[in-house]
Amino acid sequence: MENLTKKALAEYNSEEKAPRRSGSVNGKSCWNIHSTQFMYAPQLTFPWIPGTPKYRYTATDCNGCEHSFESVFHDAPLTPIWADIPVGFVTLKVEALHRHLGRNFTAGVRSFYKTAPFPGRENLPERACSYRECALKAFRFVFNDPSTNYWLKHGKPDPEYYHNVYPSKMISSLVNAMISYAELDPENRDDALKLATNAADYLLSITYGEDSKLPGLPPTYSFKGLIKEIVDKTAPAADGRQTKVMMIYPASVGSMYLNLEKATGDSKYFDAARKIAEHYRDNVLENGSWYLLVDEKTGKPESNNYCNNFAVLSFLSDFYKRTGEECWHELEANYYHYLEKTCLENYNWEGQFEDIALSCNYENLTHLEADRLIQYIAKNKADDEKMVAEADSLMRYVEDQFVVWGEHAPWNNHLDNGKVWYSPAGLEQYNWYVPIDGSTAAIMRTFLDLYSVKKDPIMLEKAKALGDSITRMQDPVSGVIPTHWMKKDCTENLENFWINCHIGTAFGIMYLAKVTGEI
């Protein structure tokens, strides 16, 4: 068998295997301008100094040693010295060696953390249980969780679970989980589906009516039935946004309604999905996307940010398959073209989350939409060599910026009083650059999808290594998988627990179990 650890190290130091080069190469945008860590050799852009034939790059590593090379480019990749720089903090200085003035000018200084390469699964701790067992325990936890069971008993959200302030996100995730759990546990099938319909019906009851500028759309934020003091303390981002709709979330709800209609046969869920689809159709912009944040009272956008989210694409695709109506296929194709141009060509993988402020280009990158594009390519364009190559490069961007195989950057640990954060793990976004269960699972799944096309065994091993982490982080008794992996006793105190992340992780680990033949 191929030595995958050796292969990972070779790729780690290879210019060919680095993520897409940035700077002025082929006119591509400088996507890594706000990056603070790199796994593969980066290409960093510095100012061009007129009259400069060469630039000297000097990297000072964590031990105080200097590593230098010269290049005619002001945006050269660090490949010549990357293999010599140890894992750790790096300060890079670039000097312009001026031809006429006979002196050097500092073009720029950049500090970052060099993260460790994939160490090989054999050098990591073993998994705590099978992937199948982990997935079943995770789904069972969701069904038994008091905040989930509240839906079954009362038909409304648990007033003390603060993340219920995000109804579209939480309910769509929960309903999809219960549809799957009904198949996994026939004994509890009826209760699982009842729980799902109770939650979906509640969402229908708070959906905007004809008096709104956004009729038929579910709210992104709602304080109804919740203890506001608890929400204000633990989910402050929702305050002041009660009338705002983040347009990536109706699509997730629409897909959930289609799944529920299929599971129950109740046409009201299809009708609700159609209203959402019609809103996307009737309000699409010339660029093929939609304004990200809209006020339901005025119908006007709250910013110039547009939706960069594959959940919308998936919903349009689902609705086209369900109806066969060509308008949805056309809408899907135009939106894919927008995503390809905005995200893939420019690498502007903007993090769009309901609990953070909107950002400008490259300020808050995330892996999530990059993951989904890789998955889309694997599913729909596996015979297109150019797009598979793009997916391969994109996978390295994800790993480079959002996977930690060894130690985390030292500036991150201050959030937990210096405690060592857990790894291997996936980080969520620049604005919340912490190890998250849902991110770990999403990246794991992306490795699996690309493996299905390329059949590169290192991708399967990396997916398994992340899956192994999930099994170790899971509480063996309750089945809960904590959201934040910033201390070893995460399951003892579930601070800031997002059950939708747990659900996404459950689906991810179930997928790994299927790929590895456990199911």
Protein backbone atom coordinates (compact mmCIF):
# COMPACT_ATOMS: atom_id res chain seq x y z
CA MET A 1 0.00 0.00 0.00
CA GLU A 2 1.16 3.52 -0.84
CA ASN A 3 2.77 5.44 2.03
CA LEU A 4 0.11 8.11 2.45
CA THR A 5 1.99 9.97 5.18
CA LYS A 6 4.96 10.42 2.86
CA LYS A 7 2.65 11.46 0.04
CA ALA A 8 0.94 14.05 2.27
CA LEU A 9 4.30 15.58 3.16
CA ALA A 10 5.33 15.76 -0.50
CA GLU A 11 2.06 17.51 -1.41
CA TYR A 12 2.51 19.85 1.57
CA ASN A 13 5.76 21.18 0.08
CA SER A 14 4.74 21.08 -3.59
CA GLU A 15 4.03 24.18 -5.67
CA GLU A 16 1.76 22.16 -7.94
CA LYS A 17 -0.36 21.00 -5.02
CA ALA A 18 -0.80 24.44 -3.44
CA PRO A 19 -4.29 25.97 -3.60
CA ARG A 20 -5.01 28.33 -6.45
CA ARG A 21 -2.33 30.98 -6.67
CA SER A 22 -3.48 34.46 -5.79
CA GLY A 23 -2.21 37.93 -6.56
CA SER A 24 -1.85 38.99 -10.17
CA VAL A 25 -1.46 35.53 -11.68
CA ASN A 26 -3.89 35.22 -14.60
CA GLY A 27 -5.77 38.19 -13.21
CA LYS A 28 -7.05 36.24 -10.20
CA SER A 29 -8.00 38.15 -7.09
CA CYS A 30 -5.87 38.04 -3.98
CA TRP A 31 -8.18 35.79 -1.98
CA ASN A 32 -5.76 35.21 0.92
CA ILE A 33 -5.28 38.85 1.87
CA HIS A 34 -6.90 38.24 5.29
CA SER A 35 -5.58 34.71 5.85
CA THR A 36 -3.74 34.07 9.11
CA GLN A 37 -2.66 30.46 8.59
CA PHE A 38 -1.41 28.28 5.76
CA MET A 39 -0.77 24.59 5.33
CA TYR A 40 0.42 24.62 1.73
CA ALA A 41 3.02 27.05 0.34
CA PRO A 42 1.18 30.37 -0.05
CA GLN A 43 1.59 33.05 -2.66
CA LEU A 44 1.27 36.44 -1.01
CA THR A 45 0.96 39.71 -2.89
CA PHE A 46 3.06 42.75 -1.98
CA PRO A 47 3.25 46.19 -3.62
CA TRP A 48 5.09 46.46 -6.91
CA ILE A 49 7.99 48.93 -6.60
CA PRO A 50 8.95 50.62 -9.92
CA GLY A 51 12.50 49.99 -11.07
CA THR A 52 12.88 46.82 -9.02
CA PRO A 53 14.41 43.83 -10.88
CA LYS A 54 14.31 41.50 -7.85
CA TYR A 55 12.59 41.00 -4.52
CA ARG A 56 14.13 39.27 -1.52
CA TYR A 57 11.79 37.12 0.57
CA THR A 58 12.94 36.46 4.14
CA ALA A 59 10.87 34.27 6.47
CA THR A 60 11.76 34.22 10.16
CA ASP A 61 10.47 31.03 11.75
CA CYS A 62 9.36 30.29 15.30
CA ASN A 63 12.94 29.47 16.30
CA GLY A 64 14.31 32.77 15.03
CA CYS A 65 15.98 31.21 11.97
CA GLU A 66 15.81 33.03 8.63
CA HIS A 67 14.97 31.45 5.27
CA SER A 68 15.48 33.54 2.13
CA PHE A 69 15.17 33.47 -1.65
CA GLU A 70 14.99 36.04 -4.44
CA SER A 71 12.46 36.40 -7.23
CA VAL A 72 11.66 38.83 -10.03
CA PHE A 73 8.03 38.73 -8.85
CA HIS A 74 6.44 40.76 -6.07
CA ASP A 75 3.93 37.96 -5.51
CA ALA A 76 6.09 34.84 -5.68
CA PRO A 77 4.97 31.61 -3.97
CA LEU A 78 7.03 30.59 -0.94
CA THR A 79 7.77 27.13 -2.36
CA PRO A 80 11.61 27.57 -2.43
CA ILE A 81 11.76 27.82 1.38
CA TRP A 82 8.49 26.22 2.52
CA ALA A 83 9.94 22.78 3.26
CA ASP A 84 12.63 24.34 5.47
CA ILE A 85 10.22 26.32 7.65
CA PRO A 86 9.02 24.38 10.71
CA VAL A 87 5.41 24.35 11.86
CA GLY A 88 4.69 27.47 13.87
CA PHE A 89 4.61 31.25 13.77
CA VAL A 90 6.26 32.89 10.73
CA THR A 91 7.09 36.53 9.93
CA LEU A 92 7.70 37.19 6.25
CA LYS A 93 9.52 40.32 5.07
CA VAL A 94 9.74 41.25 1.37
CA GLU A 95 12.34 43.75 0.20
CA ALA A 96 12.55 45.44 -3.20
CA LEU A 97 16.17 45.39 -4.42
CA HIS A 98 16.13 48.63 -6.39
CA ARG A 99 18.21 48.82 -9.57
CA HIS A 100 18.98 52.56 -9.82
CA LEU A 101 18.97 53.81 -6.25
CA GLY A 102 21.24 51.06 -4.99
CA ARG A 103 19.23 50.43 -1.88
CA ASN A 104 16.47 48.14 -0.61
CA PHE A 105 12.92 49.13 0.15
CA THR A 106 10.54 47.14 2.36
CA ALA A 107 7.63 46.14 0.17
CA GLY A 108 5.77 44.58 3.08
CA VAL A 109 5.71 42.37 6.15
CA ARG A 110 3.23 39.58 6.82
CA SER A 111 2.82 37.29 9.83
CA PHE A 112 1.01 33.96 9.77
CA TYR A 113 0.97 30.48 11.28
CA LYS A 114 2.24 27.48 9.36
CA THR A 115 0.02 24.51 10.23
CA ALA A 116 1.12 20.89 10.23
CA PRO A 117 0.45 18.55 7.30
CA PHE A 118 -1.72 15.45 7.48
CA PRO A 119 0.30 13.12 9.76
CA GLY A 120 -1.21 9.88 8.52
CA ARG A 121 -4.12 8.21 10.23
CA GLU A 122 -1.80 5.64 11.79
CA ASN A 123 -0.17 8.43 13.81
CA LEU A 124 -3.46 9.66 15.26
CA PRO A 125 -5.56 8.18 18.09
CA GLU A 126 -7.93 5.38 17.13
CA ARG A 127 -11.64 6.00 16.74
CA ALA A 128 -13.83 5.45 19.80
CA CYS A 129 -16.49 3.37 18.02
CA SER A 130 -17.68 2.47 14.54
CA TYR A 131 -19.00 5.25 12.32
CA ARG A 132 -22.36 3.50 12.18
CA GLU A 133 -22.64 3.37 15.96
CA CYS A 134 -21.61 7.01 16.23
CA ALA A 135 -24.27 8.07 13.73
CA LEU A 136 -27.06 6.07 15.36
CA LYS A 137 -26.22 7.47 18.79
CA ALA A 138 -26.14 10.98 17.35
CA PHE A 139 -29.58 10.70 15.75
CA ARG A 140 -30.98 9.09 18.90
CA PHE A 141 -29.68 12.00 20.98
CA VAL A 142 -31.59 14.45 18.77
CA PHE A 143 -34.82 12.52 19.23
CA ASN A 144 -34.39 12.29 23.01
CA ASP A 145 -33.09 15.83 23.61
CA PRO A 146 -35.52 17.81 25.83
CA SER A 147 -35.51 20.85 23.54
CA THR A 148 -36.37 18.58 20.60
CA ASN A 149 -38.97 16.59 22.52
CA TYR A 150 -40.67 19.85 23.44
CA TRP A 151 -41.97 19.97 19.88
CA LEU A 152 -43.60 16.56 20.29
CA LYS A 153 -45.27 17.44 23.57
CA HIS A 154 -46.22 21.07 22.97
CA GLY A 155 -46.09 21.73 19.24
CA LYS A 156 -43.97 24.86 19.72
CA PRO A 157 -40.32 25.72 20.41
CA ASP A 158 -38.71 25.21 23.78
CA PRO A 159 -38.78 28.77 25.22
CA GLU A 160 -35.42 28.27 26.95
CA TYR A 161 -33.46 26.99 23.94
CA TYR A 162 -32.00 30.26 22.70
CA HIS A 163 -31.12 29.11 19.18
CA ASN A 164 -34.82 28.67 18.47
CA VAL A 165 -34.60 32.40 17.75
CA TYR A 166 -33.40 31.22 14.29
CA PRO A 167 -36.52 29.22 13.28
CA SER A 168 -35.78 28.63 9.60
CA LYS A 169 -32.32 27.25 10.29
CA MET A 170 -33.17 25.18 13.34
CA ILE A 171 -36.53 23.78 12.24
CA SER A 172 -35.43 22.78 8.73
CA SER A 173 -32.48 20.91 10.23
CA LEU A 174 -34.59 19.24 12.90
CA VAL A 175 -37.32 18.11 10.52
CA ASN A 176 -34.80 16.54 8.13
CA ALA A 177 -33.22 14.73 11.07
CA MET A 178 -36.54 13.33 12.23
CA ILE A 179 -37.45 12.15 8.73
CA SER A 180 -34.22 10.16 8.66
CA TYR A 181 -34.60 8.96 12.25
CA ALA A 182 -38.07 7.63 11.44
CA GLU A 183 -36.40 5.26 8.96
CA LEU A 184 -33.54 4.35 11.30
CA ASP A 185 -35.76 3.55 14.29
CA PRO A 186 -39.10 2.02 13.19
CA GLU A 187 -40.18 1.74 16.86
CA ASN A 188 -40.22 5.51 17.17
CA ARG A 189 -41.24 6.24 13.59
CA ASP A 190 -44.65 7.71 14.39
CA ASP A 191 -43.33 9.98 17.12
CA ALA A 192 -40.43 11.13 14.96
CA LEU A 193 -42.75 12.08 12.11
CA LYS A 194 -45.19 13.71 14.51
CA LEU A 195 -42.36 15.75 15.95
CA ALA A 196 -41.33 16.74 12.41
CA THR A 197 -44.81 17.80 11.38
CA ASN A 198 -45.36 19.72 14.62
CA ALA A 199 -42.19 21.73 14.01
CA ALA A 200 -42.97 22.30 10.33
CA ASP A 201 -46.56 23.32 11.10
CA TYR A 202 -45.31 25.82 13.65
CA LEU A 203 -43.01 27.31 11.02
CA LEU A 204 -45.96 27.56 8.66
CA SER A 205 -47.92 29.37 11.37
CA ILE A 206 -45.29 32.12 11.67
CA THR A 207 -44.61 32.38 7.93
CA TYR A 208 -45.14 35.88 6.55
CA GLY A 209 -48.66 36.47 5.22
CA GLU A 210 -50.09 38.58 2.44
CA ASP A 211 -49.70 41.78 4.49
CA SER A 212 -45.92 41.37 4.29
CA LYS A 213 -43.63 42.34 1.44
CA LEU A 214 -42.30 38.78 1.60
CA PRO A 215 -45.46 36.63 1.64
CA GLY A 216 -44.87 32.90 1.90
CA LEU A 217 -41.35 33.22 3.28
CA PRO A 218 -40.43 31.82 6.71
CA PRO A 219 -38.75 34.22 9.16
CA THR A 220 -35.03 34.02 9.75
CA TYR A 221 -35.46 35.49 13.25
CA SER A 222 -38.36 35.14 15.69
CA PHE A 223 -38.70 35.78 19.42
CA LYS A 224 -42.20 34.32 19.52
CA GLY A 225 -42.69 32.04 22.54
CA LEU A 226 -39.08 32.45 23.70
CA ILE A 227 -37.74 33.94 26.92
CA LYS A 228 -36.21 37.09 25.50
CA GLU A 229 -33.83 37.64 28.40
CA ILE A 230 -32.21 34.26 27.71
CA VAL A 231 -32.02 34.92 23.97
CA ASP A 232 -30.56 38.39 24.43
CA LYS A 233 -27.82 36.98 26.63
CA THR A 234 -26.88 33.98 24.51
CA ALA A 235 -27.89 34.96 20.95
CA PRO A 236 -27.51 38.75 20.81
CA ALA A 237 -27.14 38.81 17.03
CA ALA A 238 -30.88 38.32 16.64
CA ASP A 239 -31.77 41.51 18.47
CA GLY A 240 -32.94 44.18 16.05
CA ARG A 241 -33.23 41.77 13.14
CA GLN A 242 -36.76 40.52 13.73
CA THR A 243 -38.01 41.91 10.41
CA LYS A 244 -34.97 40.87 8.39
CA VAL A 245 -34.89 37.79 6.18
CA MET A 246 -31.57 36.28 5.13
CA MET A 247 -32.49 34.92 1.73
CA ILE A 248 -30.35 31.78 1.94
CA TYR A 249 -32.66 30.26 4.57
CA PRO A 250 -36.04 30.09 2.77
CA ALA A 251 -34.36 27.72 0.31
CA SER A 252 -33.33 25.34 3.11
CA VAL A 253 -36.89 25.43 4.40
CA GLY A 254 -38.25 24.79 0.91
CA SER A 255 -36.11 21.69 0.50
CA MET A 256 -37.22 20.51 3.93
CA TYR A 257 -40.89 20.94 2.95
CA LEU A 258 -40.32 18.80 -0.16
CA ASN A 259 -38.73 16.09 1.99
CA LEU A 260 -41.61 16.21 4.46
CA GLU A 261 -44.22 16.07 1.71
CA LYS A 262 -42.51 12.96 0.39
CA ALA A 263 -42.42 11.37 3.86
CA THR A 264 -46.02 12.21 4.83
CA GLY A 265 -47.88 12.65 1.56
CA ASP A 266 -49.33 15.93 2.82
CA SER A 267 -49.58 18.37 -0.10
CA LYS A 268 -49.60 21.47 2.11
CA TYR A 269 -45.85 21.16 2.47
CA PHE A 270 -45.42 21.10 -1.31
CA ASP A 271 -47.66 24.17 -1.57
CA ALA A 272 -45.47 25.96 0.98
CA ALA A 273 -42.35 25.00 -0.99
CA ARG A 274 -43.92 26.37 -4.18
CA LYS A 275 -44.56 29.76 -2.58
CA ILE A 276 -40.90 29.96 -1.61
CA ALA A 277 -39.78 28.91 -5.10
CA GLU A 278 -42.07 31.48 -6.69
CA HIS A 279 -40.55 34.22 -4.56
CA TYR A 280 -37.07 33.31 -5.81
CA ARG A 281 -38.36 33.24 -9.39
CA ASP A 282 -40.16 36.58 -9.16
CA ASN A 283 -37.36 38.44 -7.37
CA VAL A 284 -34.20 37.19 -9.09
CA LEU A 285 -31.73 39.95 -9.98
CA GLU A 286 -30.04 40.47 -13.33
CA ASN A 287 -26.88 38.80 -12.04
CA GLY A 288 -28.83 35.59 -11.32
CA SER A 289 -28.73 35.92 -7.51
CA TRP A 290 -30.72 37.69 -4.80
CA TYR A 291 -29.98 40.33 -2.18
CA LEU A 292 -28.77 38.52 0.92
CA LEU A 293 -30.65 40.48 3.59
CA VAL A 294 -34.13 41.91 2.96
CA ASP A 295 -36.62 43.67 5.24
CA GLU A 296 -40.01 41.99 5.26
CA LYS A 297 -41.78 45.26 6.08
CA THR A 298 -40.39 47.21 3.14
CA GLY A 299 -39.16 44.48 0.79
CA LYS A 300 -35.94 46.47 0.38
CA PRO A 301 -32.40 45.11 0.68
CA GLU A 302 -30.36 45.91 3.78
CA SER A 303 -26.99 45.69 2.01
CA ASN A 304 -25.39 45.10 -1.37
CA ASN A 305 -24.34 41.55 -0.46
CA TYR A 306 -25.81 38.82 -2.65
CA CYS A 307 -26.63 35.21 -1.86
CA ASN A 308 -23.59 32.96 -2.34
CA ASN A 309 -25.17 29.75 -1.10
CA PHE A 310 -25.61 26.35 -2.66
CA ALA A 311 -28.70 25.67 -0.53
CA VAL A 312 -30.57 27.93 -2.96
CA LEU A 313 -29.17 26.01 -5.92
CA SER A 314 -30.13 22.69 -4.30
CA PHE A 315 -33.68 23.86 -3.65
CA LEU A 316 -34.17 25.04 -7.23
CA SER A 317 -32.79 21.71 -8.45
CA ASP A 318 -35.08 19.79 -6.07
CA PHE A 319 -38.10 21.78 -7.18
CA TYR A 320 -37.31 21.25 -10.85
CA LYS A 321 -37.02 17.49 -10.30
CA ARG A 322 -40.30 17.51 -8.38
CA THR A 323 -42.30 19.50 -10.97
CA GLY A 324 -40.48 19.16 -14.29
CA GLU A 325 -41.24 22.84 -14.91
CA GLU A 326 -38.46 24.31 -17.04
CA CYS A 327 -38.43 27.73 -15.35
CA TRP A 328 -36.80 26.25 -12.24
CA HIS A 329 -34.08 24.58 -14.29
CA GLU A 330 -33.35 27.90 -16.00
CA LEU A 331 -33.23 29.68 -12.64
CA GLU A 332 -30.86 26.99 -11.32
CA ALA A 333 -28.55 27.29 -14.34
CA ASN A 334 -28.37 31.08 -14.10
CA TYR A 335 -27.64 30.95 -10.39
CA TYR A 336 -24.94 28.33 -10.89
CA HIS A 337 -23.33 30.64 -13.45
CA TYR A 338 -23.40 33.44 -10.87
CA LEU A 339 -21.81 31.21 -8.20
CA GLU A 340 -19.17 30.01 -10.63
CA LYS A 341 -18.27 33.57 -11.61
CA THR A 342 -18.42 35.10 -8.13
CA CYS A 343 -17.08 32.32 -5.96
CA LEU A 344 -14.99 30.04 -8.15
CA GLU A 345 -13.39 32.64 -10.43
CA ASN A 346 -12.77 35.17 -7.65
CA TYR A 347 -12.44 32.77 -4.71
CA ASN A 348 -14.71 35.02 -2.68
CA TRP A 349 -16.04 32.28 -0.40
CA GLU A 350 -17.93 34.74 1.78
CA GLY A 351 -19.22 33.46 5.10
CA GLN A 352 -22.96 34.15 5.26
CA PHE A 353 -24.37 33.38 8.71
CA GLU A 354 -27.43 34.76 10.47
CA ASP A 355 -25.54 35.38 13.72
CA ILE A 356 -22.72 37.58 12.41
CA ALA A 357 -22.45 40.91 10.61
CA LEU A 358 -22.25 40.96 6.82
CA SER A 359 -18.73 41.30 5.42
CA CYS A 360 -16.85 42.73 2.45
CA ASN A 361 -14.90 40.68 -0.09
CA TYR A 362 -12.40 38.22 1.43
CA GLU A 363 -12.88 39.54 4.99
CA ASN A 364 -14.70 36.48 6.30
CA LEU A 365 -13.97 33.43 4.19
CA THR A 366 -15.46 30.04 5.02
CA HIS A 367 -15.23 26.54 3.60
CA LEU A 368 -18.94 25.75 3.44
CA GLU A 369 -19.82 26.89 -0.07
CA ALA A 370 -16.49 25.65 -1.38
CA ASP A 371 -17.45 22.25 0.07
CA ARG A 372 -20.79 22.37 -1.69
CA LEU A 373 -19.29 23.32 -5.02
CA ILE A 374 -16.88 20.38 -4.79
CA GLN A 375 -19.84 18.13 -3.99
CA TYR A 376 -21.81 19.61 -6.89
CA ILE A 377 -18.92 18.99 -9.29
CA ALA A 378 -18.51 15.41 -8.01
CA LYS A 379 -22.21 14.75 -8.52
CA ASN A 380 -22.87 16.62 -11.77
CA LYS A 381 -19.57 17.20 -13.58
CA ALA A 382 -17.42 14.15 -12.81
CA ASP A 383 -16.65 13.67 -16.52
CA ASP A 384 -15.39 17.25 -16.93
CA GLU A 385 -11.61 17.06 -16.35
CA LYS A 386 -11.24 20.84 -16.00
CA MET A 387 -13.94 21.08 -13.33
CA VAL A 388 -12.58 18.06 -11.44
CA ALA A 389 -9.17 19.79 -11.42
CA GLU A 390 -10.87 22.92 -10.05
CA ALA A 391 -12.50 20.80 -7.34
CA ASP A 392 -9.13 19.27 -6.47
CA SER A 393 -7.54 22.73 -6.08
CA LEU A 394 -10.55 23.93 -4.14
CA MET A 395 -10.24 21.00 -1.75
CA ARG A 396 -6.72 22.14 -0.94
CA TYR A 397 -8.03 25.65 -0.24
CA VAL A 398 -10.46 24.11 2.25
CA GLU A 399 -7.76 22.04 3.92
CA ASP A 400 -5.23 24.89 3.83
CA GLN A 401 -7.48 27.42 5.55
CA PHE A 402 -9.93 25.35 7.61
CA VAL A 403 -8.35 22.07 8.72
CA VAL A 404 -6.01 21.65 11.66
CA TRP A 405 -4.22 18.30 11.87
CA GLY A 406 -1.90 19.26 14.74
CA GLU A 407 -1.62 22.34 16.95
CA HIS A 408 -3.84 25.37 16.49
CA ALA A 409 -2.40 28.84 15.91
CA PRO A 410 -1.34 30.34 19.27
CA TRP A 411 -3.52 33.43 18.94
CA ASN A 412 -6.66 31.29 18.85
CA ASN A 413 -6.22 29.70 22.27
CA HIS A 414 -6.75 32.97 24.11
CA LEU A 415 -10.48 32.38 23.74
CA ASP A 416 -10.25 29.50 26.22
CA ASN A 417 -7.67 30.77 28.69
CA GLY A 418 -4.79 29.05 26.96
CA LYS A 419 -6.24 25.53 26.94
CA VAL A 420 -5.17 23.39 24.00
CA TRP A 421 -7.87 23.16 21.39
CA TYR A 422 -8.83 19.80 19.94
CA SER A 423 -7.59 18.43 16.61
CA PRO A 424 -7.88 17.06 13.98
CA ALA A 425 -10.79 19.39 13.35
CA GLY A 426 -12.40 21.77 10.90
CA LEU A 427 -12.60 25.51 11.54
CA GLU A 428 -15.80 27.36 10.64
CA GLN A 429 -15.04 30.85 9.28
CA TYR A 430 -12.53 33.67 9.79
CA ASN A 431 -14.93 35.51 12.10
CA TRP A 432 -15.26 32.39 14.27
CA TYR A 433 -11.99 30.59 13.59
CA VAL A 434 -12.59 27.75 16.02
CA PRO A 435 -12.95 23.94 15.77
CA ILE A 436 -16.59 23.05 15.17
CA ASP A 437 -18.24 19.64 14.85
CA GLY A 438 -20.33 20.69 11.85
CA SER A 439 -17.29 22.06 10.01
CA THR A 440 -15.30 18.91 10.73
CA ALA A 441 -18.14 16.78 9.34
CA ALA A 442 -18.72 18.99 6.29
CA ILE A 443 -15.05 18.86 5.29
CA MET A 444 -14.99 15.11 5.96
CA ARG A 445 -17.92 14.66 3.60
CA THR A 446 -16.25 16.80 0.95
CA PHE A 447 -13.13 14.62 1.02
CA LEU A 448 -15.44 11.63 0.52
CA ASP A 449 -17.24 13.18 -2.45
CA LEU A 450 -14.00 14.09 -4.19
CA TYR A 451 -12.66 10.61 -3.42
CA SER A 452 -15.68 9.16 -5.24
CA VAL A 453 -14.42 10.87 -8.41
CA LYS A 454 -10.63 10.80 -8.11
CA LYS A 455 -10.23 7.56 -6.12
CA ASP A 456 -7.19 9.06 -4.40
CA PRO A 457 -6.74 6.98 -1.20
CA ILE A 458 -5.31 9.93 0.75
CA MET A 459 -8.69 11.67 0.50
CA LEU A 460 -10.42 8.68 2.05
CA GLU A 461 -7.80 8.55 4.81
CA LYS A 462 -8.24 12.23 5.59
CA ALA A 463 -12.01 11.77 5.71
CA LYS A 464 -11.62 8.84 8.09
CA ALA A 465 -9.21 10.82 10.29
CA LEU A 466 -11.81 13.58 10.69
CA GLY A 467 -14.51 10.97 11.28
CA ASP A 468 -12.35 9.35 13.95
CA SER A 469 -12.15 12.72 15.71
CA ILE A 470 -15.94 12.94 15.73
CA THR A 471 -16.25 9.51 17.38
CA ARG A 472 -13.75 10.55 20.06
CA MET A 473 -15.55 13.83 20.77
CA GLN A 474 -18.96 12.19 21.08
CA ASP A 475 -20.25 11.41 24.56
CA PRO A 476 -20.41 7.59 24.58
CA VAL A 477 -23.55 7.48 26.72
CA SER A 478 -25.83 10.30 25.56
CA GLY A 479 -24.54 10.39 21.97
CA VAL A 480 -24.18 14.18 21.96
CA ILE A 481 -21.44 15.70 19.81
CA PRO A 482 -20.46 19.11 21.20
CA THR A 483 -20.44 22.07 18.84
CA HIS A 484 -17.22 23.68 20.01
CA TRP A 485 -14.05 21.62 20.45
CA MET A 486 -12.01 23.97 22.58
CA LYS A 487 -11.52 21.78 25.62
CA LYS A 488 -11.46 18.07 26.37
CA ASP A 489 -14.55 18.07 28.60
CA CYS A 490 -16.80 19.58 25.92
CA THR A 491 -19.65 17.15 26.58
CA GLU A 492 -19.84 17.97 30.29
CA ASN A 493 -20.87 21.56 29.73
CA LEU A 494 -22.61 22.10 26.41
CA GLU A 495 -22.09 25.84 26.23
CA ASN A 496 -23.39 27.41 23.02
CA PHE A 497 -24.67 24.08 21.71
CA TRP A 498 -26.12 24.26 18.19
CA ILE A 499 -28.25 21.20 17.59
CA ASN A 500 -28.30 21.85 13.84
CA CYS A 501 -24.50 21.41 13.83
CA HIS A 502 -24.93 18.14 15.73
CA ILE A 503 -27.50 17.05 13.14
CA GLY A 504 -25.22 17.93 10.24
CA THR A 505 -22.48 15.92 11.90
CA ALA A 506 -24.84 12.96 12.35
CA PHE A 507 -25.67 13.00 8.62
CA GLY A 508 -21.97 13.32 7.77
CA ILE A 509 -20.83 10.40 9.91
CA MET A 510 -23.70 8.28 8.55
CA TYR A 511 -22.42 9.02 5.04
CA LEU A 512 -18.93 7.93 6.09
CA ALA A 513 -20.40 4.70 7.45
CA LYS A 514 -22.03 4.05 4.07
CA VAL A 515 -18.88 4.80 2.07
CA THR A 516 -16.80 2.49 4.29
CA GLY A 517 -19.34 -0.32 4.06
CA GLU A 518 -20.60 -0.26 7.65
CA ILE A 519 -24.15 0.28 6.42
